[in-house]
N, C-alpha and C. Protein backbone atom coordinates (compact mmCIF):
# COMPACT_ATOMS: atom_id res chain seq x y z
N MET A 1 47.25 -22.99 -25.43
CA MET A 1 46.14 -22.30 -25.93
C MET A 1 44.97 -23.00 -25.26
N SER A 2 44.89 -24.39 -25.09
CA SER A 2 43.67 -25.00 -24.93
C SER A 2 43.34 -24.66 -23.43
N ASN A 3 44.31 -24.45 -22.53
CA ASN A 3 43.99 -24.00 -21.21
C ASN A 3 43.47 -22.72 -21.04
N LEU A 4 43.75 -21.70 -22.00
CA LEU A 4 43.28 -20.40 -22.11
C LEU A 4 42.02 -20.33 -22.48
N ALA A 5 41.60 -21.30 -23.48
CA ALA A 5 40.39 -21.36 -24.05
C ALA A 5 39.43 -21.99 -22.95
N LEU A 6 39.83 -22.97 -22.19
CA LEU A 6 39.00 -23.26 -21.04
C LEU A 6 38.67 -22.56 -19.99
N ILE A 7 39.82 -21.79 -19.72
CA ILE A 7 39.52 -20.74 -18.68
C ILE A 7 38.69 -19.84 -19.14
N PHE A 8 38.71 -19.09 -20.28
CA PHE A 8 37.81 -18.22 -20.95
C PHE A 8 36.50 -18.73 -21.04
N SER A 9 36.22 -20.03 -21.46
CA SER A 9 34.95 -20.73 -21.42
C SER A 9 34.27 -20.74 -20.02
N LEU A 10 35.08 -21.03 -18.93
CA LEU A 10 34.55 -21.12 -17.69
C LEU A 10 34.27 -19.46 -16.96
N PHE A 11 34.99 -18.69 -17.50
CA PHE A 11 34.73 -17.26 -17.23
C PHE A 11 33.26 -16.82 -17.79
N ILE A 12 33.11 -17.21 -18.88
CA ILE A 12 31.74 -16.84 -19.65
C ILE A 12 30.75 -17.22 -18.85
N ILE A 13 30.80 -18.90 -18.66
CA ILE A 13 29.67 -19.60 -17.96
C ILE A 13 29.52 -18.95 -16.53
N CYS A 14 30.49 -18.88 -15.90
CA CYS A 14 30.21 -18.15 -14.33
C CYS A 14 29.67 -16.83 -14.56
N THR A 15 29.98 -15.92 -15.44
CA THR A 15 29.61 -14.59 -15.56
C THR A 15 28.10 -14.70 -15.84
N THR A 16 27.91 -15.49 -16.75
CA THR A 16 26.49 -15.64 -17.27
C THR A 16 25.48 -16.02 -16.11
N PHE A 17 25.92 -17.24 -15.33
CA PHE A 17 25.26 -17.85 -14.28
C PHE A 17 25.06 -16.61 -13.20
N ILE A 18 25.92 -15.77 -12.89
CA ILE A 18 25.92 -14.76 -11.88
C ILE A 18 24.94 -13.67 -12.22
N ALA A 19 24.92 -13.33 -13.44
CA ALA A 19 24.12 -12.07 -14.15
C ALA A 19 22.82 -12.62 -14.26
N SER A 20 22.54 -13.95 -14.49
CA SER A 20 21.07 -14.34 -14.59
C SER A 20 20.48 -14.50 -13.09
N SER A 21 21.22 -14.83 -12.22
CA SER A 21 20.72 -15.11 -10.83
C SER A 21 20.31 -13.77 -10.27
N ASN A 22 20.89 -12.62 -10.53
CA ASN A 22 20.65 -11.39 -10.10
C ASN A 22 19.79 -10.41 -10.84
N ALA A 23 19.23 -10.98 -12.03
CA ALA A 23 18.49 -10.30 -12.95
C ALA A 23 17.08 -9.76 -12.35
N ILE A 24 16.92 -8.51 -12.63
CA ILE A 24 15.54 -7.99 -12.44
C ILE A 24 14.90 -7.79 -13.54
N SER A 25 13.90 -8.16 -13.86
CA SER A 25 13.06 -7.96 -14.88
C SER A 25 12.21 -6.74 -14.93
N GLN A 26 11.89 -6.37 -16.16
CA GLN A 26 11.05 -5.23 -16.48
C GLN A 26 9.80 -5.77 -16.56
N CYS A 27 8.89 -4.85 -17.29
CA CYS A 27 7.50 -5.20 -17.55
C CYS A 27 7.46 -6.52 -18.60
N ASN A 28 6.70 -7.26 -18.14
CA ASN A 28 6.48 -8.43 -18.89
C ASN A 28 7.63 -9.36 -19.04
N GLY A 29 8.88 -9.01 -18.52
CA GLY A 29 9.96 -10.04 -18.10
C GLY A 29 9.76 -11.26 -17.39
N PRO A 30 10.48 -12.25 -17.41
CA PRO A 30 9.96 -13.46 -16.93
C PRO A 30 10.49 -13.05 -15.32
N CYS A 31 9.91 -13.91 -14.41
CA CYS A 31 9.93 -13.85 -13.00
C CYS A 31 9.36 -15.15 -12.31
N LYS A 32 10.08 -15.37 -11.12
CA LYS A 32 9.43 -16.55 -10.43
C LYS A 32 9.14 -16.03 -9.11
N SER A 33 9.69 -14.71 -8.52
CA SER A 33 9.23 -14.37 -7.33
C SER A 33 9.17 -12.76 -7.41
N LEU A 34 8.75 -12.23 -6.30
CA LEU A 34 8.60 -10.62 -6.31
C LEU A 34 10.15 -10.11 -6.53
N ASN A 35 11.17 -10.70 -5.88
CA ASN A 35 12.30 -10.16 -6.00
C ASN A 35 12.91 -10.03 -7.31
N ASP A 36 12.12 -10.81 -8.40
CA ASP A 36 12.83 -10.85 -9.67
C ASP A 36 12.42 -9.63 -10.44
N CYS A 37 11.50 -8.94 -10.17
CA CYS A 37 10.75 -7.73 -10.77
C CYS A 37 11.45 -6.50 -10.27
N ASP A 38 11.51 -5.79 -11.20
CA ASP A 38 11.87 -4.27 -10.89
C ASP A 38 11.04 -3.41 -10.18
N GLY A 39 11.60 -2.46 -9.40
CA GLY A 39 10.68 -1.48 -8.48
C GLY A 39 9.24 -1.94 -7.92
N GLN A 40 8.28 -1.24 -8.41
CA GLN A 40 6.98 -1.65 -7.89
C GLN A 40 6.25 -2.73 -8.75
N LEU A 41 6.79 -3.53 -9.55
CA LEU A 41 6.07 -4.53 -10.34
C LEU A 41 6.09 -5.83 -9.55
N ILE A 42 5.16 -6.54 -9.73
CA ILE A 42 5.02 -7.87 -9.09
C ILE A 42 4.96 -9.00 -10.04
N CYS A 43 5.25 -10.33 -9.48
CA CYS A 43 5.23 -11.48 -10.47
C CYS A 43 3.94 -12.02 -10.47
N ILE A 44 3.36 -12.00 -11.67
CA ILE A 44 1.88 -12.51 -11.99
C ILE A 44 2.12 -13.57 -13.11
N ARG A 45 1.86 -14.86 -12.88
CA ARG A 45 2.00 -16.05 -13.72
C ARG A 45 3.18 -15.93 -14.53
N GLY A 46 4.29 -15.67 -13.75
CA GLY A 46 5.56 -15.81 -14.30
C GLY A 46 6.10 -14.72 -15.21
N LYS A 47 5.30 -13.49 -15.07
CA LYS A 47 5.90 -12.38 -15.87
C LYS A 47 5.73 -11.19 -15.00
N CYS A 48 6.57 -10.17 -14.97
CA CYS A 48 6.73 -8.91 -13.99
C CYS A 48 5.56 -8.06 -14.81
N ASN A 49 4.74 -7.56 -13.82
CA ASN A 49 3.55 -6.66 -14.32
C ASN A 49 3.34 -5.79 -13.21
N ASP A 50 2.19 -4.72 -13.39
CA ASP A 50 1.57 -3.79 -12.56
C ASP A 50 1.04 -4.42 -11.53
N ASP A 51 0.75 -4.02 -10.36
CA ASP A 51 0.33 -4.59 -9.20
C ASP A 51 -1.14 -4.01 -9.27
N PRO A 52 -2.27 -4.86 -9.45
CA PRO A 52 -3.55 -4.22 -9.54
C PRO A 52 -4.13 -3.82 -8.16
N ASP A 53 -3.33 -4.51 -7.07
CA ASP A 53 -3.86 -3.73 -5.74
C ASP A 53 -3.36 -2.58 -5.45
N VAL A 54 -2.23 -2.25 -5.90
CA VAL A 54 -1.41 -0.89 -5.53
C VAL A 54 -1.80 0.06 -6.50
N GLY A 55 -2.00 -0.47 -7.85
CA GLY A 55 -2.42 0.81 -8.73
C GLY A 55 -1.44 1.26 -9.56
N THR A 56 -0.37 0.65 -9.61
CA THR A 56 0.89 0.96 -10.49
C THR A 56 0.37 0.80 -11.90
N SER A 57 0.82 1.72 -12.84
CA SER A 57 0.60 1.70 -14.29
C SER A 57 1.76 1.73 -15.05
N ILE A 58 3.09 1.19 -14.48
CA ILE A 58 4.34 1.35 -15.24
C ILE A 58 4.34 0.37 -16.31
N CYS A 59 3.45 -0.53 -16.34
CA CYS A 59 3.45 -1.35 -17.75
C CYS A 59 2.40 -0.89 -18.77
N GLY A 60 1.69 0.10 -18.46
CA GLY A 60 0.74 0.63 -19.11
C GLY A 60 -0.56 -0.54 -19.06
N GLY A 61 -0.86 -0.84 -18.15
CA GLY A 61 -1.93 -1.82 -18.00
C GLY A 61 -1.54 -3.21 -17.92
N GLY A 62 -0.70 -3.47 -18.79
CA GLY A 62 0.02 -5.18 -19.03
C GLY A 62 -1.35 -5.94 -18.81
N THR A 63 -1.21 -7.08 -18.11
CA THR A 63 -2.31 -8.04 -18.28
C THR A 63 -3.46 -7.62 -17.47
N PHE A 64 -3.30 -6.97 -16.42
CA PHE A 64 -4.30 -6.51 -15.57
C PHE A 64 -4.72 -5.12 -15.62
N PRO A 65 -5.82 -4.53 -15.43
CA PRO A 65 -6.11 -3.16 -15.55
C PRO A 65 -5.72 -2.74 -14.21
N SER A 66 -5.08 -1.37 -14.30
CA SER A 66 -4.50 -0.92 -12.87
C SER A 66 -5.56 0.00 -12.25
N VAL A 67 -5.53 -0.13 -10.99
CA VAL A 67 -6.56 0.48 -9.99
C VAL A 67 -6.24 1.83 -10.22
N PRO A 68 -7.32 2.67 -10.35
CA PRO A 68 -7.13 4.25 -10.63
C PRO A 68 -6.77 5.09 -9.38
N PRO A 69 -5.74 5.80 -9.42
CA PRO A 69 -5.33 6.64 -8.10
C PRO A 69 -6.56 7.21 -7.41
N SER A 70 -6.34 7.37 -6.10
CA SER A 70 -7.20 7.97 -5.46
C SER A 70 -7.65 9.41 -5.77
N PRO A 71 -8.82 9.88 -5.80
CA PRO A 71 -9.23 11.15 -6.10
C PRO A 71 -8.74 12.15 -5.32
N PRO A 72 -8.59 13.34 -5.47
CA PRO A 72 -8.30 14.36 -4.59
C PRO A 72 -9.27 14.44 -3.65
N SER A 73 -8.85 14.98 -2.44
CA SER A 73 -9.91 15.14 -1.41
C SER A 73 -10.60 16.63 -1.47
N THR A 74 -11.66 16.44 -1.76
CA THR A 74 -12.15 18.04 -1.89
C THR A 74 -13.92 17.62 -1.20
N GLY A 75 -14.26 18.28 -0.21
CA GLY A 75 -15.53 18.28 0.21
C GLY A 75 -15.52 17.11 0.72
N SER A 76 -16.78 16.04 0.18
CA SER A 76 -17.06 14.83 0.80
C SER A 76 -16.49 13.82 -0.10
N THR A 77 -15.40 13.36 0.26
CA THR A 77 -14.79 12.20 -0.44
C THR A 77 -15.19 10.84 -0.42
N PRO A 78 -15.51 10.06 -1.24
CA PRO A 78 -15.88 8.53 -1.15
C PRO A 78 -14.67 7.67 -0.80
N GLY A 79 -14.58 6.73 0.00
CA GLY A 79 -13.46 5.89 0.32
C GLY A 79 -13.94 4.62 1.16
N ILE A 80 -13.11 3.89 1.49
CA ILE A 80 -13.09 2.56 2.12
C ILE A 80 -12.40 2.73 3.50
N LEU A 81 -13.17 2.28 4.52
CA LEU A 81 -12.87 2.45 5.87
C LEU A 81 -12.36 0.95 6.02
N THR A 82 -10.97 0.80 6.45
CA THR A 82 -10.26 -0.31 6.89
C THR A 82 -10.02 -0.48 8.33
N LEU A 83 -10.01 -1.54 8.90
CA LEU A 83 -9.45 -1.60 10.26
C LEU A 83 -7.87 -1.79 10.55
N ASN A 84 -7.50 -1.16 11.66
CA ASN A 84 -5.96 -1.08 11.78
C ASN A 84 -5.90 -1.00 13.04
N ASP A 85 -4.87 -1.63 13.88
CA ASP A 85 -4.34 -1.63 15.23
C ASP A 85 -3.08 -0.85 15.36
N PHE A 86 -3.28 0.52 15.74
CA PHE A 86 -2.02 1.40 15.72
C PHE A 86 -1.29 1.41 17.03
N SER A 87 -1.65 0.24 17.96
CA SER A 87 -0.81 -0.01 19.29
C SER A 87 0.44 -0.76 18.88
N GLU A 88 1.48 -0.67 19.82
CA GLU A 88 2.46 -1.38 19.77
C GLU A 88 2.49 -2.88 19.47
N GLY A 89 2.78 -3.56 18.41
CA GLY A 89 2.56 -4.92 18.32
C GLY A 89 1.51 -5.19 17.48
N GLY A 90 0.63 -4.26 17.08
CA GLY A 90 -0.57 -4.26 16.34
C GLY A 90 -0.26 -4.60 14.85
N ASP A 91 -1.33 -4.62 14.11
CA ASP A 91 -1.09 -4.95 12.56
C ASP A 91 -0.51 -3.62 11.80
N GLY A 92 -0.38 -2.49 12.53
CA GLY A 92 -0.04 -1.21 12.01
C GLY A 92 1.51 -1.16 11.77
N GLY A 93 2.26 -2.23 12.09
CA GLY A 93 3.67 -2.36 11.92
C GLY A 93 4.47 -1.44 13.15
N GLY A 94 5.27 -0.46 12.49
CA GLY A 94 5.87 0.31 13.38
C GLY A 94 5.06 1.57 13.93
N PRO A 95 5.89 2.48 14.60
CA PRO A 95 4.98 3.62 15.18
C PRO A 95 4.62 4.28 13.91
N SER A 96 3.52 5.37 14.21
CA SER A 96 2.97 6.17 13.03
C SER A 96 3.81 7.03 12.64
N GLU A 97 3.73 7.30 11.21
CA GLU A 97 4.79 8.25 10.63
C GLU A 97 4.83 9.71 11.24
N CYS A 98 3.58 10.19 11.44
CA CYS A 98 3.46 11.65 11.76
C CYS A 98 3.94 11.89 12.99
N ASP A 99 4.04 11.14 14.03
CA ASP A 99 4.46 11.49 15.32
C ASP A 99 5.39 10.48 15.99
N GLU A 100 5.84 9.45 15.05
CA GLU A 100 6.61 8.30 15.71
C GLU A 100 6.02 7.69 17.03
N GLN A 101 4.97 7.62 17.27
CA GLN A 101 4.33 7.06 18.28
C GLN A 101 3.30 6.05 18.05
N TYR A 102 3.24 5.19 18.98
CA TYR A 102 1.96 4.11 18.80
C TYR A 102 0.73 4.81 19.40
N HIS A 103 -0.33 4.34 19.05
CA HIS A 103 -1.40 4.77 19.60
C HIS A 103 -2.56 3.81 20.29
N ASP A 104 -3.06 4.08 21.39
CA ASP A 104 -4.08 3.15 21.90
C ASP A 104 -5.21 2.89 21.08
N ASN A 105 -5.69 1.73 21.23
CA ASN A 105 -6.82 1.50 20.35
C ASN A 105 -7.97 2.32 20.83
N LYS A 106 -8.04 2.94 21.95
CA LYS A 106 -8.96 3.87 22.43
C LYS A 106 -8.98 5.05 21.77
N GLU A 107 -8.01 5.45 20.87
CA GLU A 107 -7.90 6.69 20.42
C GLU A 107 -8.49 6.66 18.99
N ARG A 108 -8.99 7.84 18.41
CA ARG A 108 -9.60 7.82 17.22
C ARG A 108 -8.66 8.47 16.17
N VAL A 109 -7.85 7.46 15.64
CA VAL A 109 -6.83 7.73 14.80
C VAL A 109 -6.92 7.12 13.31
N VAL A 110 -6.19 7.64 12.36
CA VAL A 110 -6.42 6.93 10.98
C VAL A 110 -5.20 7.14 10.20
N ALA A 111 -4.86 6.31 9.29
CA ALA A 111 -3.79 6.52 8.37
C ALA A 111 -4.61 6.57 6.83
N LEU A 112 -4.24 7.55 6.22
CA LEU A 112 -4.77 7.74 4.79
C LEU A 112 -3.86 7.35 3.67
N THR A 113 -4.60 6.76 2.80
CA THR A 113 -3.84 6.19 1.62
C THR A 113 -2.98 7.40 1.02
N THR A 114 -1.75 6.96 0.52
CA THR A 114 -0.86 7.89 -0.17
C THR A 114 -1.19 9.14 -0.79
N ARG A 115 -2.20 9.28 -1.65
CA ARG A 115 -2.42 10.49 -2.22
C ARG A 115 -3.07 11.53 -1.38
N TRP A 116 -3.93 10.76 -0.51
CA TRP A 116 -4.70 11.83 0.49
C TRP A 116 -3.67 11.94 1.57
N TYR A 117 -2.76 11.51 1.92
CA TYR A 117 -1.79 11.66 2.83
C TYR A 117 -0.73 12.89 2.54
N ALA A 118 -0.74 13.09 1.26
CA ALA A 118 -0.21 13.92 0.64
C ALA A 118 1.14 14.48 1.25
N GLY A 119 2.23 13.51 1.22
CA GLY A 119 3.38 13.53 1.74
C GLY A 119 3.68 14.21 3.26
N GLY A 120 2.66 13.71 4.00
CA GLY A 120 2.54 14.21 5.33
C GLY A 120 1.89 15.55 5.74
N SER A 121 1.34 16.25 4.71
CA SER A 121 0.57 17.59 4.79
C SER A 121 -0.71 17.32 5.78
N MET A 122 -1.08 16.09 5.60
CA MET A 122 -2.34 15.94 6.46
C MET A 122 -2.08 15.48 8.02
N CYS A 123 -0.99 15.41 8.34
CA CYS A 123 -0.39 14.94 9.77
C CYS A 123 -0.99 15.92 10.81
N GLY A 124 -1.72 15.19 11.79
CA GLY A 124 -2.24 15.93 12.80
C GLY A 124 -3.72 16.68 12.61
N LYS A 125 -4.04 16.58 11.27
CA LYS A 125 -5.48 17.19 11.03
C LYS A 125 -6.60 16.27 11.38
N LEU A 126 -7.59 16.76 11.60
CA LEU A 126 -8.89 16.13 11.94
C LEU A 126 -9.71 16.01 10.66
N ILE A 127 -10.33 14.88 10.43
CA ILE A 127 -11.14 14.39 9.51
C ILE A 127 -12.48 14.06 10.05
N ARG A 128 -13.67 14.04 9.29
CA ARG A 128 -14.95 13.47 9.77
C ARG A 128 -15.19 12.23 8.85
N ILE A 129 -15.61 11.02 9.48
CA ILE A 129 -15.88 9.81 8.81
C ILE A 129 -17.35 9.61 9.12
N ARG A 130 -18.04 9.26 7.72
CA ARG A 130 -19.42 8.97 7.69
C ARG A 130 -19.67 7.60 6.83
N PRO A 131 -19.92 6.74 7.77
CA PRO A 131 -20.31 5.35 6.98
C PRO A 131 -21.43 5.54 5.89
N ASN A 132 -21.56 4.97 4.77
CA ASN A 132 -22.74 4.97 3.86
C ASN A 132 -24.00 4.48 4.17
N ASN A 133 -23.84 3.57 5.13
CA ASN A 133 -24.98 2.57 5.64
C ASN A 133 -25.78 3.14 6.86
N ASN A 134 -25.18 4.21 7.65
CA ASN A 134 -25.90 4.78 8.73
C ASN A 134 -25.55 6.20 9.02
N GLY A 135 -26.50 7.01 9.85
CA GLY A 135 -26.36 8.22 9.71
C GLY A 135 -25.32 8.90 10.78
N LYS A 136 -24.37 7.95 11.36
CA LYS A 136 -23.54 8.41 12.31
C LYS A 136 -22.21 8.98 11.59
N SER A 137 -21.33 9.83 12.43
CA SER A 137 -20.08 10.32 12.02
C SER A 137 -19.28 10.47 13.10
N VAL A 138 -17.97 10.43 13.00
CA VAL A 138 -17.08 10.61 13.92
C VAL A 138 -15.86 11.65 13.43
N THR A 139 -15.12 12.27 14.16
CA THR A 139 -13.75 12.86 13.82
C THR A 139 -12.56 11.99 14.26
N ALA A 140 -11.59 11.98 13.39
CA ALA A 140 -10.32 11.18 13.63
C ALA A 140 -9.23 12.06 13.46
N LYS A 141 -8.31 11.87 14.13
CA LYS A 141 -6.74 12.53 13.77
C LYS A 141 -6.11 11.68 12.84
N VAL A 142 -5.42 12.23 11.75
CA VAL A 142 -4.47 11.81 10.93
C VAL A 142 -3.15 11.51 11.51
N VAL A 143 -2.56 10.31 11.72
CA VAL A 143 -1.32 10.07 12.33
C VAL A 143 -0.55 9.23 11.41
N ASP A 144 -0.94 8.82 10.18
CA ASP A 144 -0.01 7.83 9.41
C ASP A 144 -0.41 7.94 7.93
N GLU A 145 0.31 7.33 7.23
CA GLU A 145 0.37 6.89 5.72
C GLU A 145 -0.09 5.43 5.36
N CYS A 146 -1.09 5.20 4.85
CA CYS A 146 -1.45 3.65 4.48
C CYS A 146 -0.81 3.74 2.95
N ASP A 147 0.45 3.37 2.95
CA ASP A 147 1.28 3.45 1.75
C ASP A 147 0.82 2.31 0.68
N THR A 148 0.70 2.91 -0.61
CA THR A 148 0.34 2.05 -1.51
C THR A 148 1.44 1.34 -2.21
N LYS A 149 2.69 1.76 -1.79
CA LYS A 149 3.99 0.99 -2.13
C LYS A 149 4.01 -0.07 -1.25
N ASP A 150 3.52 -0.41 0.06
CA ASP A 150 3.73 -1.54 0.84
C ASP A 150 2.25 -2.30 0.74
N GLY A 151 1.52 -2.24 -0.22
CA GLY A 151 0.26 -2.85 -0.40
C GLY A 151 -0.96 -2.42 -0.06
N CYS A 152 -0.94 -1.16 0.65
CA CYS A 152 -2.33 -0.50 0.88
C CYS A 152 -3.00 0.03 -0.44
N LYS A 153 -4.38 -0.44 -0.67
CA LYS A 153 -5.08 0.05 -1.76
C LYS A 153 -5.47 1.50 -1.83
N ASN A 154 -5.86 2.07 -2.74
CA ASN A 154 -6.15 3.34 -2.96
C ASN A 154 -7.52 3.61 -2.44
N ASN A 155 -7.92 4.74 -2.09
CA ASN A 155 -9.20 5.33 -1.41
C ASN A 155 -9.46 4.87 -0.12
N VAL A 156 -8.41 4.62 0.58
CA VAL A 156 -8.42 3.94 1.98
C VAL A 156 -8.19 4.97 3.01
N VAL A 157 -9.19 4.87 4.17
CA VAL A 157 -9.07 5.55 5.16
C VAL A 157 -8.97 4.31 6.42
N ASP A 158 -7.63 4.11 6.85
CA ASP A 158 -7.17 3.00 7.69
C ASP A 158 -7.61 3.35 9.12
N GLY A 159 -8.71 3.01 9.74
CA GLY A 159 -9.08 3.56 10.91
C GLY A 159 -8.84 2.55 12.29
N SER A 160 -8.63 3.29 13.20
CA SER A 160 -8.59 2.54 14.54
C SER A 160 -9.82 1.51 15.19
N ILE A 161 -9.68 0.96 16.10
CA ILE A 161 -10.82 0.18 16.60
C ILE A 161 -11.67 1.23 17.25
N ALA A 162 -11.34 2.21 17.70
CA ALA A 162 -12.29 3.09 18.40
C ALA A 162 -13.07 3.89 17.38
N ILE A 163 -12.72 4.03 16.02
CA ILE A 163 -13.46 4.71 15.21
C ILE A 163 -14.62 3.60 14.67
N TRP A 164 -14.30 2.47 14.68
CA TRP A 164 -15.34 1.30 14.20
C TRP A 164 -16.25 1.32 15.47
N LYS A 165 -16.01 1.46 16.72
CA LYS A 165 -16.90 1.28 17.75
C LYS A 165 -17.83 2.57 17.84
N ALA A 166 -17.17 3.72 17.51
CA ALA A 166 -17.92 5.01 17.65
C ALA A 166 -19.06 4.98 16.62
N LEU A 167 -18.73 4.34 15.44
CA LEU A 167 -19.46 4.29 14.28
C LEU A 167 -20.71 3.27 14.30
N GLY A 168 -20.43 2.27 15.25
CA GLY A 168 -21.39 1.18 15.48
C GLY A 168 -21.22 0.32 14.48
N LEU A 169 -19.91 0.20 13.75
CA LEU A 169 -19.57 -0.96 12.89
C LEU A 169 -19.00 -2.19 13.24
N ASP A 170 -19.27 -3.18 12.62
CA ASP A 170 -18.94 -4.59 13.00
C ASP A 170 -17.41 -4.75 12.71
N THR A 171 -16.56 -4.83 13.26
CA THR A 171 -15.03 -5.02 12.80
C THR A 171 -14.72 -6.22 12.05
N ASP A 172 -15.77 -7.21 12.10
CA ASP A 172 -15.43 -8.44 11.27
C ASP A 172 -15.68 -8.01 9.91
N LEU A 173 -16.15 -7.14 9.60
CA LEU A 173 -16.39 -6.74 8.11
C LEU A 173 -15.19 -6.38 7.43
N GLY A 174 -14.22 -5.66 8.26
CA GLY A 174 -13.04 -5.27 7.58
C GLY A 174 -13.08 -4.03 6.86
N ARG A 175 -14.16 -3.97 5.77
CA ARG A 175 -13.98 -2.95 4.78
C ARG A 175 -15.37 -2.46 4.74
N VAL A 176 -15.64 -1.21 4.88
CA VAL A 176 -16.91 -0.39 4.72
C VAL A 176 -16.99 0.85 3.93
N PRO A 177 -17.69 0.97 2.96
CA PRO A 177 -17.68 2.15 2.29
C PRO A 177 -18.11 3.46 3.00
N ILE A 178 -17.37 4.62 3.00
CA ILE A 178 -17.47 5.78 3.65
C ILE A 178 -17.43 6.83 2.77
N THR A 179 -17.81 8.14 3.38
CA THR A 179 -17.35 9.30 3.02
C THR A 179 -16.61 9.97 3.92
N TRP A 180 -15.58 10.81 3.61
CA TRP A 180 -14.88 11.62 4.68
C TRP A 180 -14.58 12.94 4.16
N SER A 181 -14.39 13.86 5.16
CA SER A 181 -14.06 15.25 4.75
C SER A 181 -13.26 15.88 5.98
N MET A 182 -12.71 17.30 5.65
CA MET A 182 -12.07 17.70 6.70
C MET A 182 -13.08 18.14 7.78
N ALA A 183 -12.69 18.00 8.82
CA ALA A 183 -13.46 18.22 10.24
C ALA A 183 -13.55 19.76 10.50
């Protein structure tokens, strides 16, 4: 009997250890890294919570206020222009989602934040971008999604270097308030 009790005790200890090492925490559950949290939650100060940069609201705001989703694009829509290198080896990662191609830095192309990208319905469409600080504007082709699940913030038009140059913007700024509309 004592051998059976010892084996049963070892089984319980091993099962508990394995289960706890693969545990995925829900809202406000304990965590030590991003891998400890379920879905789009992130580990903030030892607890799984909504990602304030992505704008998730799974935990109902939790510790941090969630970022409101991008408004629907109608007429002239306010947003933030960010800089992206769509060329192979650039900071855009893989090829563009719309055409599975890389794009030269001389091309006027953009990735739209998830809501504006609308599941790919904006692929190939032209938009007009206007910085809030000067009277210039430029048209650009939508070739990709700036995916909020992968860390892109809401209200982003992620533009190529060619767009920044055409608008006379300093690429060192990295983020510039704009409005955009369908071209």
